[in-house]
Amino acid sequence: MATDSEGFFRALGAVQTSIPQTTQVVVDKDNVLQAAKVIQDTVGTYRDAILQDFAGLAIVPPGNDPVSVQAAQEWSKKLLTDPDSYRARVNQYLGSLDNLVNNLITAAKQYGYTEQQITDAFNGAPSA
């Protein structure tokens, strides 16, 4: 069966490299905005590429026989369209990273950062 295996491995590599390699991350008042920005920037860098790579993963049957057609459909569902597909899992992971950024922004507000300070941190403005 034909797939865009290069795209798949690029998507897999991007997801793997975006997963923190440490088991414990300590976020405090001094680094909460930096942590949120790093996560948001990483997700922003890889999201479009990952989702585009998934578009190339539809399995094309190698023949028109019923077995090839059915097998290609089942693989495509597992990769792309089932509720528990690989694409759904990656989207869920990206969504959890978006939620983490939002939680870190909420924590920054609780630490006393203003909306302007938060905006400046995400836009790369130096903090005062």
C-alpha atoms as a PDB file:
ATOM      1  CA  MET A   1       0.000   0.000   0.000  1.00  0.00           C
ATOM      2  CA  ALA A   2       1.276   3.465  -0.846  1.00  0.00           C
ATOM      3  CA  THR A   3       1.560   6.165   1.798  1.00  0.00           C
ATOM      4  CA  ASP A   4       3.447   9.375   2.203  1.00  0.00           C
ATOM      5  CA  SER A   5       5.837   7.690   4.625  1.00  0.00           C
ATOM      6  CA  GLU A   6       8.215  10.655   4.577  1.00  0.00           C
ATOM      7  CA  GLY A   7       5.386  12.905   5.787  1.00  0.00           C
ATOM      8  CA  PHE A   8       4.414  10.407   8.461  1.00  0.00           C
ATOM      9  CA  PHE A   9       7.931  10.186   9.840  1.00  0.00           C
ATOM     10  CA  ARG A  10       8.309  13.980   9.721  1.00  0.00           C
ATOM     11  CA  ALA A  11       5.055  14.329  11.703  1.00  0.00           C
ATOM     12  CA  LEU A  12       6.157  11.658  14.152  1.00  0.00           C
ATOM     13  CA  GLY A  13       9.565  13.291  14.579  1.00  0.00           C
ATOM     14  CA  ALA A  14       8.037  16.711  15.170  1.00  0.00           C
ATOM     15  CA  VAL A  15       5.718  15.332  17.831  1.00  0.00           C
ATOM     16  CA  GLN A  16       8.521  13.398  19.502  1.00  0.00           C
ATOM     17  CA  THR A  17      10.882  16.370  19.577  1.00  0.00           C
ATOM     18  CA  SER A  18       8.177  18.591  21.050  1.00  0.00           C
ATOM     19  CA  ILE A  19       7.670  16.238  24.010  1.00  0.00           C
ATOM     20  CA  PRO A  20       9.632  17.441  27.014  1.00  0.00           C
ATOM     21  CA  GLN A  21      12.494  15.071  27.808  1.00  0.00           C
ATOM     22  CA  THR A  22      12.445  15.816  31.515  1.00  0.00           C
ATOM     23  CA  THR A  23      10.135  14.282  34.062  1.00  0.00           C
ATOM     24  CA  GLN A  24       9.868  17.358  36.254  1.00  0.00           C
ATOM     25  CA  VAL A  25       9.417  20.953  35.218  1.00  0.00           C
ATOM     26  CA  VAL A  26       9.303  23.600  37.920  1.00  0.00           C
ATOM     27  CA  VAL A  27       7.387  26.720  37.023  1.00  0.00           C
ATOM     28  CA  ASP A  28       7.455  29.684  39.351  1.00  0.00           C
ATOM     29  CA  LYS A  29       6.811  33.425  39.297  1.00  0.00           C
ATOM     30  CA  ASP A  30      10.144  34.087  37.610  1.00  0.00           C
ATOM     31  CA  ASN A  31       9.709  31.705  34.660  1.00  0.00           C
ATOM     32  CA  VAL A  32       5.969  31.193  34.189  1.00  0.00           C
ATOM     33  CA  LEU A  33       5.700  33.518  31.186  1.00  0.00           C
ATOM     34  CA  GLN A  34       8.866  32.151  29.612  1.00  0.00           C
ATOM     35  CA  ALA A  35       7.540  28.597  29.972  1.00  0.00           C
ATOM     36  CA  ALA A  36       4.201  29.553  28.415  1.00  0.00           C
ATOM     37  CA  LYS A  37       5.919  31.298  25.494  1.00  0.00           C
ATOM     38  CA  VAL A  38       8.278  28.386  24.805  1.00  0.00           C
ATOM     39  CA  ILE A  39       5.382  25.926  24.705  1.00  0.00           C
ATOM     40  CA  GLN A  40       3.209  28.200  22.565  1.00  0.00           C
ATOM     41  CA  ASP A  41       6.070  28.899  20.137  1.00  0.00           C
ATOM     42  CA  THR A  42       6.894  25.197  19.814  1.00  0.00           C
ATOM     43  CA  VAL A  43       3.283  24.232  19.152  1.00  0.00           C
ATOM     44  CA  GLY A  44       2.939  27.099  16.683  1.00  0.00           C
ATOM     45  CA  THR A  45       6.077  26.035  14.840  1.00  0.00           C
ATOM     46  CA  TYR A  46       5.016  22.433  14.383  1.00  0.00           C
ATOM     47  CA  ARG A  47       1.181  22.434  14.304  1.00  0.00           C
ATOM     48  CA  ASP A  48       0.653  23.350  10.640  1.00  0.00           C
ATOM     49  CA  ALA A  49       3.437  21.058   9.420  1.00  0.00           C
ATOM     50  CA  ILE A  50       2.134  18.125  11.444  1.00  0.00           C
ATOM     51  CA  LEU A  51      -1.437  18.599  10.263  1.00  0.00           C
ATOM     52  CA  GLN A  52      -0.319  18.974   6.643  1.00  0.00           C
ATOM     53  CA  ASP A  53       1.739  15.807   6.921  1.00  0.00           C
ATOM     54  CA  PHE A  54      -1.307  13.905   8.131  1.00  0.00           C
ATOM     55  CA  ALA A  55      -3.149  14.977   4.989  1.00  0.00           C
ATOM     56  CA  GLY A  56      -0.698  12.876   2.976  1.00  0.00           C
ATOM     57  CA  LEU A  57      -1.283   9.729   4.988  1.00  0.00           C
ATOM     58  CA  ALA A  58      -4.422   8.480   3.267  1.00  0.00           C
ATOM     59  CA  ILE A  59      -3.744   4.934   2.115  1.00  0.00           C
ATOM     60  CA  VAL A  60      -4.164   4.315  -1.590  1.00  0.00           C
ATOM     61  CA  PRO A  61      -5.138   0.738  -2.444  1.00  0.00           C
ATOM     62  CA  PRO A  62      -2.496  -0.963  -4.574  1.00  0.00           C
ATOM     63  CA  GLY A  63      -5.241  -2.558  -6.640  1.00  0.00           C
ATOM     64  CA  ASN A  64      -8.992  -2.450  -7.228  1.00  0.00           C
ATOM     65  CA  ASP A  65      -9.653  -5.847  -5.680  1.00  0.00           C
ATOM     66  CA  PRO A  66     -11.986  -5.909  -2.655  1.00  0.00           C
ATOM     67  CA  VAL A  67      -9.254  -6.889  -0.186  1.00  0.00           C
ATOM     68  CA  SER A  68      -6.942  -4.035  -1.205  1.00  0.00           C
ATOM     69  CA  VAL A  69      -9.757  -1.486  -1.176  1.00  0.00           C
ATOM     70  CA  GLN A  70     -11.069  -2.627   2.218  1.00  0.00           C
ATOM     71  CA  ALA A  71      -7.592  -2.791   3.764  1.00  0.00           C
ATOM     72  CA  ALA A  72      -6.745   0.718   2.524  1.00  0.00           C
ATOM     73  CA  GLN A  73     -10.006   2.074   3.942  1.00  0.00           C
ATOM     74  CA  GLU A  74      -9.371   0.457   7.320  1.00  0.00           C
ATOM     75  CA  TRP A  75      -5.794   1.748   7.523  1.00  0.00           C
ATOM     76  CA  SER A  76      -6.932   5.241   6.524  1.00  0.00           C
ATOM     77  CA  LYS A  77      -9.567   5.174   9.268  1.00  0.00           C
ATOM     78  CA  LYS A  78      -6.988   4.087  11.858  1.00  0.00           C
ATOM     79  CA  LEU A  79      -4.585   6.796  10.751  1.00  0.00           C
ATOM     80  CA  LEU A  80      -6.967   9.658  10.014  1.00  0.00           C
ATOM     81  CA  THR A  81     -10.680   9.405  10.659  1.00  0.00           C
ATOM     82  CA  ASP A  82     -11.545   7.119  13.579  1.00  0.00           C
ATOM     83  CA  PRO A  83     -12.248   8.912  16.859  1.00  0.00           C
ATOM     84  CA  ASP A  84      -9.137   7.191  18.238  1.00  0.00           C
ATOM     85  CA  SER A  85      -7.022   7.687  15.074  1.00  0.00           C
ATOM     86  CA  TYR A  86      -3.436   8.813  15.171  1.00  0.00           C
ATOM     87  CA  ARG A  87      -4.503  12.213  13.847  1.00  0.00           C
ATOM     88  CA  ALA A  88      -7.097  12.533  16.630  1.00  0.00           C
ATOM     89  CA  ARG A  89      -4.484  11.611  19.228  1.00  0.00           C
ATOM     90  CA  VAL A  90      -2.015  14.186  17.903  1.00  0.00           C
ATOM     91  CA  ASN A  91      -4.769  16.836  17.816  1.00  0.00           C
ATOM     92  CA  GLN A  92      -5.626  15.944  21.400  1.00  0.00           C
ATOM     93  CA  TYR A  93      -1.986  16.287  22.402  1.00  0.00           C
ATOM     94  CA  LEU A  94      -1.695  19.672  20.663  1.00  0.00           C
ATOM     95  CA  GLY A  95      -4.905  20.761  22.408  1.00  0.00           C
ATOM     96  CA  SER A  96      -3.487  19.712  25.775  1.00  0.00           C
ATOM     97  CA  LEU A  97      -0.437  21.881  25.091  1.00  0.00           C
ATOM     98  CA  ASP A  98      -2.744  24.807  24.247  1.00  0.00           C
ATOM     99  CA  ASN A  99      -4.527  24.207  27.566  1.00  0.00           C
ATOM    100  CA  LEU A 100      -1.181  24.134  29.363  1.00  0.00           C
ATOM    101  CA  VAL A 101      -0.304  27.538  27.901  1.00  0.00           C
ATOM    102  CA  ASN A 102      -3.673  28.901  29.063  1.00  0.00           C
ATOM    103  CA  ASN A 103      -3.096  27.453  32.545  1.00  0.00           C
ATOM    104  CA  LEU A 104       0.338  29.067  32.694  1.00  0.00           C
ATOM    105  CA  ILE A 105      -1.169  32.417  31.670  1.00  0.00           C
ATOM    106  CA  THR A 106      -3.742  32.027  34.450  1.00  0.00           C
ATOM    107  CA  ALA A 107      -0.921  31.249  36.880  1.00  0.00           C
ATOM    108  CA  ALA A 108       0.956  34.355  35.693  1.00  0.00           C
ATOM    109  CA  LYS A 109      -2.101  36.478  36.464  1.00  0.00           C
ATOM    110  CA  GLN A 110      -2.285  34.889  39.904  1.00  0.00           C
ATOM    111  CA  TYR A 111       1.382  35.772  40.402  1.00  0.00           C
ATOM    112  CA  GLY A 112       0.411  39.375  39.696  1.00  0.00           C
ATOM    113  CA  TYR A 113       1.445  39.862  36.070  1.00  0.00           C
ATOM    114  CA  THR A 114      -0.688  42.354  34.178  1.00  0.00           C
ATOM    115  CA  GLU A 115      -2.318  41.721  30.805  1.00  0.00           C
ATOM    116  CA  GLN A 116       0.243  44.081  29.256  1.00  0.00           C
ATOM    117  CA  GLN A 117       3.177  42.194  30.782  1.00  0.00           C
ATOM    118  CA  ILE A 118       1.736  38.919  29.494  1.00  0.00           C
ATOM    119  CA  THR A 119       1.194  40.381  26.016  1.00  0.00           C
ATOM    120  CA  ASP A 120       4.718  41.804  25.996  1.00  0.00           C
ATOM    121  CA  ALA A 121       6.201  38.452  27.046  1.00  0.00           C
ATOM    122  CA  PHE A 122       4.451  36.690  24.159  1.00  0.00           C
ATOM    123  CA  ASN A 123       5.467  39.382  21.685  1.00  0.00           C
ATOM    124  CA  GLY A 124       9.112  39.268  22.735  1.00  0.00           C
ATOM    125  CA  ALA A 125       9.161  42.663  24.424  1.00  0.00           C
ATOM    126  CA  PRO A 126      11.737  42.978  27.210  1.00  0.00           C
ATOM    127  CA  SER A 127      10.261  42.816  30.687  1.00  0.00           C
ATOM    128  CA  ALA A 128      10.609  45.799  32.977  1.00  0.00           C
END
